[in-house]
Structures are given as structure tokens and as C-alpha cells.
Amino acid sequence: MGKVIGKLIEWADTLIYMLPNLVIAVFIILASYLIARLVRKLLERTLSKVSRNESVTSLITSLIFGAINIAGLFIALGILNLNKTVMSLLAGVGIMVLALGFAFKDIASNFLSGI
């Protein structure tokens, strides 16, 4: 029981030590979400004037919205000194994108040809 209490005390000390970084990380995530929403609205307005195809506009704005949110998440994880987690996530995302790229190669080719 003493080891468990010692570990809980150690975690509490670490939480108190990392609290300013945690607040900054939450602020970064919220700011990136708000920036992503603003950019999405601006892109929707701009692209609706340039392109009449609503699906292309929706695709581009969704990709940009997701990219900004993911970037904010990675920055927040970096602030929390979770560099190993960031590297693991980036490696996993890279492998997933590679697998999806091969899986949807023909579909993406036909989609881009249609555009």
C-alpha cells in the first residue's frame, strides 16, 4: 500500500509541476480550433466565389480544418513534453496514410480526373 501512495504522491507532484504547461496546452488546442473555424469560414466564402462545385469546396475546407486542428494537437503535446507520443502518433499517421494511399489509389485517380 505504501508504494501505491508513494506513486500517487509522485503523480500529484508532477501534475502540480506541469500545471502551467497543461493550461498552455489547453489554450493552444482551443486557439487552434477557433483559428480552424475562422479559416474554414473564410475558405468557404472565397471558394464559393471561385468554384461552383460544392463538394470540392467542402473537401478542401474539411482538409484544412482537420490539418489545423491536428497541428494544434501536436503543438500541445510538444508543450507537455510528450515527444515520444508525438513521434509515435506521427509514425502511425504516416503508416496509415501510406496504407490508405495504396487502398484508394484508383478511387482518388478517378476523383481527380472528374474534377
C-alpha atoms as a PDB file:
ATOM      1  CA  MET A   1       0.000   0.000   0.000  1.00  0.00           C
ATOM      2  CA  GLY A   2       2.926   2.318   0.686  1.00  0.00           C
ATOM      3  CA  LYS A   3       4.177   2.013  -2.903  1.00  0.00           C
ATOM      4  CA  VAL A   4       0.765   2.954  -4.274  1.00  0.00           C
ATOM      5  CA  ILE A   5       0.516   6.014  -2.043  1.00  0.00           C
ATOM      6  CA  GLY A   6       4.087   6.988  -2.937  1.00  0.00           C
ATOM      7  CA  LYS A   7       3.282   6.715  -6.634  1.00  0.00           C
ATOM      8  CA  LEU A   8       0.107   8.797  -6.230  1.00  0.00           C
ATOM      9  CA  ILE A   9       2.070  11.485  -4.396  1.00  0.00           C
ATOM     10  CA  GLU A  10       4.668  11.467  -7.167  1.00  0.00           C
ATOM     11  CA  TRP A  11       1.920  11.866  -9.791  1.00  0.00           C
ATOM     12  CA  ALA A  12       0.375  14.744  -7.817  1.00  0.00           C
ATOM     13  CA  ASP A  13       3.755  16.494  -7.633  1.00  0.00           C
ATOM     14  CA  THR A  14       4.237  16.040 -11.378  1.00  0.00           C
ATOM     15  CA  LEU A  15       0.744  17.387 -12.054  1.00  0.00           C
ATOM     16  CA  ILE A  16       1.417  20.481  -9.963  1.00  0.00           C
ATOM     17  CA  TYR A  17       4.768  20.966 -11.704  1.00  0.00           C
ATOM     18  CA  MET A  18       3.210  20.562 -15.172  1.00  0.00           C
ATOM     19  CA  LEU A  19       0.045  22.597 -14.470  1.00  0.00           C
ATOM     20  CA  PRO A  20       1.233  25.774 -16.281  1.00  0.00           C
ATOM     21  CA  ASN A  21       2.164  23.695 -19.328  1.00  0.00           C
ATOM     22  CA  LEU A  22      -1.203  21.951 -19.178  1.00  0.00           C
ATOM     23  CA  VAL A  23      -3.027  25.284 -19.162  1.00  0.00           C
ATOM     24  CA  ILE A  24      -0.980  26.499 -22.129  1.00  0.00           C
ATOM     25  CA  ALA A  25      -1.623  23.239 -23.996  1.00  0.00           C
ATOM     26  CA  VAL A  26      -5.388  23.532 -23.484  1.00  0.00           C
ATOM     27  CA  PHE A  27      -5.217  27.158 -24.640  1.00  0.00           C
ATOM     28  CA  ILE A  28      -3.290  26.093 -27.762  1.00  0.00           C
ATOM     29  CA  ILE A  29      -5.881  23.423 -28.591  1.00  0.00           C
ATOM     30  CA  LEU A  30      -8.759  25.884 -28.155  1.00  0.00           C
ATOM     31  CA  ALA A  31      -6.962  28.556 -30.166  1.00  0.00           C
ATOM     32  CA  SER A  32      -6.203  26.151 -32.998  1.00  0.00           C
ATOM     33  CA  TYR A  33      -9.864  25.082 -33.081  1.00  0.00           C
ATOM     34  CA  LEU A  34     -11.047  28.694 -33.261  1.00  0.00           C
ATOM     35  CA  ILE A  35      -8.465  29.523 -35.930  1.00  0.00           C
ATOM     36  CA  ALA A  36      -9.503  26.449 -37.908  1.00  0.00           C
ATOM     37  CA  ARG A  37     -13.169  27.510 -37.770  1.00  0.00           C
ATOM     38  CA  LEU A  38     -12.262  31.020 -38.910  1.00  0.00           C
ATOM     39  CA  VAL A  39     -10.115  29.726 -41.759  1.00  0.00           C
ATOM     40  CA  ARG A  40     -12.861  27.287 -42.786  1.00  0.00           C
ATOM     41  CA  LYS A  41     -15.436  30.096 -42.997  1.00  0.00           C
ATOM     42  CA  LEU A  42     -13.072  32.320 -44.958  1.00  0.00           C
ATOM     43  CA  LEU A  43     -12.228  29.477 -47.345  1.00  0.00           C
ATOM     44  CA  GLU A  44     -15.903  28.635 -47.834  1.00  0.00           C
ATOM     45  CA  ARG A  45     -16.645  32.241 -48.781  1.00  0.00           C
ATOM     46  CA  THR A  46     -13.624  32.519 -51.062  1.00  0.00           C
ATOM     47  CA  LEU A  47     -14.003  29.149 -52.750  1.00  0.00           C
ATOM     48  CA  SER A  48     -17.738  29.587 -53.278  1.00  0.00           C
ATOM     49  CA  LYS A  49     -16.915  32.629 -55.419  1.00  0.00           C
ATOM     50  CA  VAL A  50     -14.202  30.798 -57.344  1.00  0.00           C
ATOM     51  CA  SER A  51     -15.728  27.337 -57.714  1.00  0.00           C
ATOM     52  CA  ARG A  52     -19.347  26.337 -58.245  1.00  0.00           C
ATOM     53  CA  ASN A  53     -18.681  22.749 -57.159  1.00  0.00           C
ATOM     54  CA  GLU A  54     -19.816  22.480 -53.553  1.00  0.00           C
ATOM     55  CA  SER A  55     -18.234  19.070 -52.946  1.00  0.00           C
ATOM     56  CA  VAL A  56     -14.759  20.323 -53.883  1.00  0.00           C
ATOM     57  CA  THR A  57     -15.211  23.327 -51.610  1.00  0.00           C
ATOM     58  CA  SER A  58     -16.350  21.082 -48.775  1.00  0.00           C
ATOM     59  CA  LEU A  59     -13.435  18.687 -49.309  1.00  0.00           C
ATOM     60  CA  ILE A  60     -10.797  21.429 -49.280  1.00  0.00           C
ATOM     61  CA  THR A  61     -12.246  23.216 -46.260  1.00  0.00           C
ATOM     62  CA  SER A  62     -12.560  19.960 -44.298  1.00  0.00           C
ATOM     63  CA  LEU A  63      -8.959  19.000 -45.051  1.00  0.00           C
ATOM     64  CA  ILE A  64      -7.653  22.413 -43.987  1.00  0.00           C
ATOM     65  CA  PHE A  65      -9.832  22.369 -40.843  1.00  0.00           C
ATOM     66  CA  GLY A  66      -8.506  18.943 -39.866  1.00  0.00           C
ATOM     67  CA  ALA A  67      -4.893  19.848 -40.626  1.00  0.00           C
ATOM     68  CA  ILE A  68      -5.019  22.954 -38.431  1.00  0.00           C
ATOM     69  CA  ASN A  69      -6.589  21.007 -35.559  1.00  0.00           C
ATOM     70  CA  ILE A  70      -4.028  18.207 -35.827  1.00  0.00           C
ATOM     71  CA  ALA A  71      -1.193  20.735 -35.907  1.00  0.00           C
ATOM     72  CA  GLY A  72      -2.586  22.352 -32.748  1.00  0.00           C
ATOM     73  CA  LEU A  73      -2.791  18.953 -31.055  1.00  0.00           C
ATOM     74  CA  PHE A  74       0.832  18.139 -31.916  1.00  0.00           C
ATOM     75  CA  ILE A  75       1.994  21.539 -30.666  1.00  0.00           C
ATOM     76  CA  ALA A  76       0.086  20.994 -27.394  1.00  0.00           C
ATOM     77  CA  LEU A  77       1.641  17.545 -26.952  1.00  0.00           C
ATOM     78  CA  GLY A  78       5.066  19.073 -27.574  1.00  0.00           C
ATOM     79  CA  ILE A  79       4.420  21.682 -24.866  1.00  0.00           C
ATOM     80  CA  LEU A  80       3.550  18.874 -22.450  1.00  0.00           C
ATOM     81  CA  ASN A  81       6.927  17.232 -23.200  1.00  0.00           C
ATOM     82  CA  LEU A  82       5.287  14.179 -24.713  1.00  0.00           C
ATOM     83  CA  ASN A  83       7.786  13.983 -27.558  1.00  0.00           C
ATOM     84  CA  LYS A  84       7.734  10.187 -27.695  1.00  0.00           C
ATOM     85  CA  THR A  85       3.957  10.268 -28.001  1.00  0.00           C
ATOM     86  CA  VAL A  86       4.174  12.832 -30.791  1.00  0.00           C
ATOM     87  CA  MET A  87       6.694  10.705 -32.672  1.00  0.00           C
ATOM     88  CA  SER A  88       4.580   7.581 -32.224  1.00  0.00           C
ATOM     89  CA  LEU A  89       1.482   9.400 -33.462  1.00  0.00           C
ATOM     90  CA  LEU A  90       3.328  10.811 -36.459  1.00  0.00           C
ATOM     91  CA  ALA A  91       4.688   7.385 -37.346  1.00  0.00           C
ATOM     92  CA  GLY A  92       1.238   5.838 -37.006  1.00  0.00           C
ATOM     93  CA  VAL A  93      -0.360   8.546 -39.122  1.00  0.00           C
ATOM     94  CA  GLY A  94       2.338   8.110 -41.755  1.00  0.00           C
ATOM     95  CA  ILE A  95       1.776   4.376 -41.980  1.00  0.00           C
ATOM     96  CA  MET A  96      -1.990   4.882 -42.087  1.00  0.00           C
ATOM     97  CA  VAL A  97      -1.737   7.454 -44.883  1.00  0.00           C
ATOM     98  CA  LEU A  98       0.540   5.150 -46.855  1.00  0.00           C
ATOM     99  CA  ALA A  99      -1.876   2.241 -46.485  1.00  0.00           C
ATOM    100  CA  LEU A 100      -4.877   4.385 -47.387  1.00  0.00           C
ATOM    101  CA  GLY A 101      -2.995   5.817 -50.342  1.00  0.00           C
ATOM    102  CA  PHE A 102      -2.470   2.377 -51.792  1.00  0.00           C
ATOM    103  CA  ALA A 103      -6.019   1.288 -50.962  1.00  0.00           C
ATOM    104  CA  PHE A 104      -7.697   4.297 -52.558  1.00  0.00           C
ATOM    105  CA  LYS A 105      -5.272   4.850 -55.431  1.00  0.00           C
ATOM    106  CA  ASP A 106      -7.822   4.111 -58.157  1.00  0.00           C
ATOM    107  CA  ILE A 107     -10.660   5.952 -56.431  1.00  0.00           C
ATOM    108  CA  ALA A 108      -8.500   9.048 -55.926  1.00  0.00           C
ATOM    109  CA  SER A 109      -7.340   8.926 -59.539  1.00  0.00           C
ATOM    110  CA  ASN A 110     -10.930   8.789 -60.793  1.00  0.00           C
ATOM    111  CA  PHE A 111     -11.993  11.542 -58.370  1.00  0.00           C
ATOM    112  CA  LEU A 112      -9.225  13.891 -59.510  1.00  0.00           C
ATOM    113  CA  SER A 113      -9.987  13.110 -63.138  1.00  0.00           C
ATOM    114  CA  GLY A 114     -13.600  14.024 -62.510  1.00  0.00           C
ATOM    115  CA  ILE A 115     -12.616  17.361 -61.009  1.00  0.00           C
END
